[in-house]
Amino acid sequence: MLIRIDANSSRPLFEQVAASVRSDILTGSVVPGDRLPSAREVSEALDINLHTVLHAYQQLRDEGLVDLRRGRGAVVAASAAPLADLATDVADLVARAGTLGVSAETLAAIVTSAIADRPRMEERP
């Protein structure tokens, strides 16, 4: 697994680390059960602070993509399995919107509206 960052980007480093791991999950490069490199290894390889990497891993944990266990490290969570399929569905939606002449802004508004209108998990039967 190759975690990528752009030192010239205005995005915080922890967000870049999390985005890189998230991208690998979406493409299927890493799958549930795969162990991520230790925070120390990433920190040393990218020459960034250990706490920056830990912050990224904690963000991924909060999103339900990674399980963090003492002594075991960071492991891609089982709940991340459907994300590659979802990414394909989103790509298909974007392609269909393009053929219909729907702008990215309009498509984003439609998706945002659908998310806002869906029942929250605790409201579902």
C-alpha atoms as a PDB file:
ATOM      1  CA  MET A   1       0.000   0.000   0.000  1.00  0.00           C
ATOM      2  CA  LEU A   2       1.322   3.377  -1.011  1.00  0.00           C
ATOM      3  CA  ILE A   3       0.065   6.356   0.966  1.00  0.00           C
ATOM      4  CA  ARG A   4       0.434   9.580  -0.967  1.00  0.00           C
ATOM      5  CA  ILE A   5       0.552  13.190   0.173  1.00  0.00           C
ATOM      6  CA  ASP A   6       1.285  16.505  -1.513  1.00  0.00           C
ATOM      7  CA  ALA A   7       3.464  18.699   0.668  1.00  0.00           C
ATOM      8  CA  ASN A   8       2.423  21.713  -1.439  1.00  0.00           C
ATOM      9  CA  SER A   9      -1.304  21.155  -0.940  1.00  0.00           C
ATOM     10  CA  SER A  10      -3.324  23.420   1.331  1.00  0.00           C
ATOM     11  CA  ARG A  11      -5.200  20.348   2.648  1.00  0.00           C
ATOM     12  CA  PRO A  12      -4.066  19.238   6.098  1.00  0.00           C
ATOM     13  CA  LEU A  13      -1.694  16.265   6.010  1.00  0.00           C
ATOM     14  CA  PHE A  14      -3.972  14.047   8.113  1.00  0.00           C
ATOM     15  CA  GLU A  15      -6.780  14.569   5.569  1.00  0.00           C
ATOM     16  CA  GLN A  16      -4.434  13.646   2.740  1.00  0.00           C
ATOM     17  CA  VAL A  17      -3.345  10.458   4.495  1.00  0.00           C
ATOM     18  CA  ALA A  18      -6.971   9.513   5.202  1.00  0.00           C
ATOM     19  CA  ALA A  19      -7.980  10.328   1.608  1.00  0.00           C
ATOM     20  CA  SER A  20      -5.182   8.147   0.245  1.00  0.00           C
ATOM     21  CA  VAL A  21      -6.275   5.155   2.337  1.00  0.00           C
ATOM     22  CA  ARG A  22      -9.936   5.832   1.493  1.00  0.00           C
ATOM     23  CA  SER A  23      -9.051   5.871  -2.204  1.00  0.00           C
ATOM     24  CA  ASP A  24      -7.287   2.513  -1.916  1.00  0.00           C
ATOM     25  CA  ILE A  25     -10.377   1.076  -0.218  1.00  0.00           C
ATOM     26  CA  LEU A  26     -12.639   2.451  -2.970  1.00  0.00           C
ATOM     27  CA  THR A  27     -10.502   0.983  -5.744  1.00  0.00           C
ATOM     28  CA  GLY A  28     -10.229  -2.366  -3.994  1.00  0.00           C
ATOM     29  CA  SER A  29      -6.454  -2.083  -3.594  1.00  0.00           C
ATOM     30  CA  VAL A  30      -7.006  -2.882   0.069  1.00  0.00           C
ATOM     31  CA  VAL A  31      -9.867  -5.031   1.283  1.00  0.00           C
ATOM     32  CA  PRO A  32     -11.426  -5.842   4.634  1.00  0.00           C
ATOM     33  CA  GLY A  33      -8.957  -7.651   6.830  1.00  0.00           C
ATOM     34  CA  ASP A  34      -5.910  -6.031   5.249  1.00  0.00           C
ATOM     35  CA  ARG A  35      -3.569  -4.453   7.743  1.00  0.00           C
ATOM     36  CA  LEU A  36      -2.516  -0.866   7.104  1.00  0.00           C
ATOM     37  CA  PRO A  37       1.103   0.113   7.629  1.00  0.00           C
ATOM     38  CA  SER A  38       1.812   1.093  11.207  1.00  0.00           C
ATOM     39  CA  ALA A  39       1.459   4.775  11.998  1.00  0.00           C
ATOM     40  CA  ARG A  40       5.161   4.832  12.791  1.00  0.00           C
ATOM     41  CA  GLU A  41       6.061   3.351   9.380  1.00  0.00           C
ATOM     42  CA  VAL A  42       3.885   5.885   7.559  1.00  0.00           C
ATOM     43  CA  SER A  43       5.245   8.716   9.661  1.00  0.00           C
ATOM     44  CA  GLU A  44       8.830   7.779   8.868  1.00  0.00           C
ATOM     45  CA  ALA A  45       8.201   7.061   5.178  1.00  0.00           C
ATOM     46  CA  LEU A  46       6.417  10.377   4.598  1.00  0.00           C
ATOM     47  CA  ASP A  47       8.537  12.343   7.065  1.00  0.00           C
ATOM     48  CA  ILE A  48       5.473  13.618   8.932  1.00  0.00           C
ATOM     49  CA  ASN A  49       4.523  13.641  12.592  1.00  0.00           C
ATOM     50  CA  LEU A  50       3.329  10.344  14.087  1.00  0.00           C
ATOM     51  CA  HIS A  51       0.283  12.089  15.577  1.00  0.00           C
ATOM     52  CA  THR A  52      -0.713  13.313  12.113  1.00  0.00           C
ATOM     53  CA  VAL A  53      -0.925   9.706  10.911  1.00  0.00           C
ATOM     54  CA  LEU A  54      -2.758   8.635  14.064  1.00  0.00           C
ATOM     55  CA  HIS A  55      -5.260  11.460  13.485  1.00  0.00           C
ATOM     56  CA  ALA A  56      -5.859  10.165   9.936  1.00  0.00           C
ATOM     57  CA  TYR A  57      -6.329   6.597  11.173  1.00  0.00           C
ATOM     58  CA  GLN A  58      -8.723   7.808  13.876  1.00  0.00           C
ATOM     59  CA  GLN A  59     -10.745   9.690  11.258  1.00  0.00           C
ATOM     60  CA  LEU A  60     -10.987   6.503   9.187  1.00  0.00           C
ATOM     61  CA  ARG A  61     -12.046   4.629  12.323  1.00  0.00           C
ATOM     62  CA  ASP A  62     -14.752   7.210  12.994  1.00  0.00           C
ATOM     63  CA  GLU A  63     -15.990   6.706   9.416  1.00  0.00           C
ATOM     64  CA  GLY A  64     -16.208   2.959  10.054  1.00  0.00           C
ATOM     65  CA  LEU A  65     -13.553   2.128   7.466  1.00  0.00           C
ATOM     66  CA  VAL A  66     -10.787   0.976   9.806  1.00  0.00           C
ATOM     67  CA  ASP A  67     -10.642  -0.956  13.061  1.00  0.00           C
ATOM     68  CA  LEU A  68      -7.924   0.168  15.468  1.00  0.00           C
ATOM     69  CA  ARG A  69      -6.760  -2.375  18.008  1.00  0.00           C
ATOM     70  CA  ARG A  70      -3.891  -2.119  20.407  1.00  0.00           C
ATOM     71  CA  GLY A  71      -1.171  -4.532  19.404  1.00  0.00           C
ATOM     72  CA  ARG A  72      -2.892  -5.345  16.119  1.00  0.00           C
ATOM     73  CA  GLY A  73      -2.731  -1.925  14.499  1.00  0.00           C
ATOM     74  CA  ALA A  74      -5.089  -0.557  11.874  1.00  0.00           C
ATOM     75  CA  VAL A  75      -7.079  -3.073   9.851  1.00  0.00           C
ATOM     76  CA  VAL A  76      -9.575  -2.363   7.071  1.00  0.00           C
ATOM     77  CA  ALA A  77     -13.014  -2.975   8.592  1.00  0.00           C
ATOM     78  CA  ALA A  78     -15.570  -5.400   7.197  1.00  0.00           C
ATOM     79  CA  SER A  79     -17.963  -2.473   6.831  1.00  0.00           C
ATOM     80  CA  ALA A  80     -15.686  -1.089   4.096  1.00  0.00           C
ATOM     81  CA  ALA A  81     -16.478  -4.013   1.760  1.00  0.00           C
ATOM     82  CA  PRO A  82     -19.397  -2.433  -0.136  1.00  0.00           C
ATOM     83  CA  LEU A  83     -17.520   0.792  -0.866  1.00  0.00           C
ATOM     84  CA  ALA A  84     -15.882  -0.435  -4.070  1.00  0.00           C
ATOM     85  CA  ASP A  85     -19.324  -1.388  -5.427  1.00  0.00           C
ATOM     86  CA  LEU A  86     -20.728   1.944  -4.295  1.00  0.00           C
ATOM     87  CA  ALA A  87     -17.905   3.771  -6.060  1.00  0.00           C
ATOM     88  CA  THR A  88     -18.832   1.947  -9.272  1.00  0.00           C
ATOM     89  CA  ASP A  89     -22.487   2.912  -8.815  1.00  0.00           C
ATOM     90  CA  VAL A  90     -21.491   6.547  -8.309  1.00  0.00           C
ATOM     91  CA  ALA A  91     -19.301   6.478 -11.419  1.00  0.00           C
ATOM     92  CA  ASP A  92     -22.268   5.097 -13.385  1.00  0.00           C
ATOM     93  CA  LEU A  93     -24.498   7.854 -11.976  1.00  0.00           C
ATOM     94  CA  VAL A  94     -21.976  10.533 -12.933  1.00  0.00           C
ATOM     95  CA  ALA A  95     -21.717   9.081 -16.446  1.00  0.00           C
ATOM     96  CA  ARG A  96     -25.506   9.012 -16.826  1.00  0.00           C
ATOM     97  CA  ALA A  97     -25.799  12.579 -15.568  1.00  0.00           C
ATOM     98  CA  GLY A  98     -23.198  13.585 -18.142  1.00  0.00           C
ATOM     99  CA  THR A  99     -25.166  12.009 -20.980  1.00  0.00           C
ATOM    100  CA  LEU A 100     -28.251  13.895 -19.795  1.00  0.00           C
ATOM    101  CA  GLY A 101     -26.350  17.178 -19.684  1.00  0.00           C
ATOM    102  CA  VAL A 102     -26.678  17.502 -15.900  1.00  0.00           C
ATOM    103  CA  SER A 103     -23.929  19.706 -14.462  1.00  0.00           C
ATOM    104  CA  ALA A 104     -21.724  18.553 -11.604  1.00  0.00           C
ATOM    105  CA  GLU A 105     -23.270  21.235  -9.391  1.00  0.00           C
ATOM    106  CA  THR A 106     -26.814  20.053 -10.126  1.00  0.00           C
ATOM    107  CA  LEU A 107     -25.880  16.415  -9.576  1.00  0.00           C
ATOM    108  CA  ALA A 108     -24.224  17.326  -6.270  1.00  0.00           C
ATOM    109  CA  ALA A 109     -27.386  19.189  -5.229  1.00  0.00           C
ATOM    110  CA  ILE A 110     -29.521  16.166  -6.100  1.00  0.00           C
ATOM    111  CA  VAL A 111     -27.300  13.844  -4.085  1.00  0.00           C
ATOM    112  CA  THR A 112     -27.162  16.264  -1.153  1.00  0.00           C
ATOM    113  CA  SER A 113     -30.944  16.550  -1.178  1.00  0.00           C
ATOM    114  CA  ALA A 114     -31.351  12.772  -1.273  1.00  0.00           C
ATOM    115  CA  ILE A 115     -28.993  12.396   1.668  1.00  0.00           C
ATOM    116  CA  ALA A 116     -30.842  15.040   3.661  1.00  0.00           C
ATOM    117  CA  ASP A 117     -34.210  13.431   2.892  1.00  0.00           C
ATOM    118  CA  ARG A 118     -33.291   9.852   3.766  1.00  0.00           C
ATOM    119  CA  PRO A 119     -34.349   8.504   7.146  1.00  0.00           C
ATOM    120  CA  ARG A 120     -31.578   8.388   9.692  1.00  0.00           C
ATOM    121  CA  MET A 121     -30.494   4.959  10.884  1.00  0.00           C
ATOM    122  CA  GLU A 122     -32.361   5.300  14.200  1.00  0.00           C
ATOM    123  CA  GLU A 123     -35.596   6.214  12.347  1.00  0.00           C
ATOM    124  CA  ARG A 124     -35.566   3.153  10.084  1.00  0.00           C
ATOM    125  CA  PRO A 125     -37.918   0.309  10.904  1.00  0.00           C
END
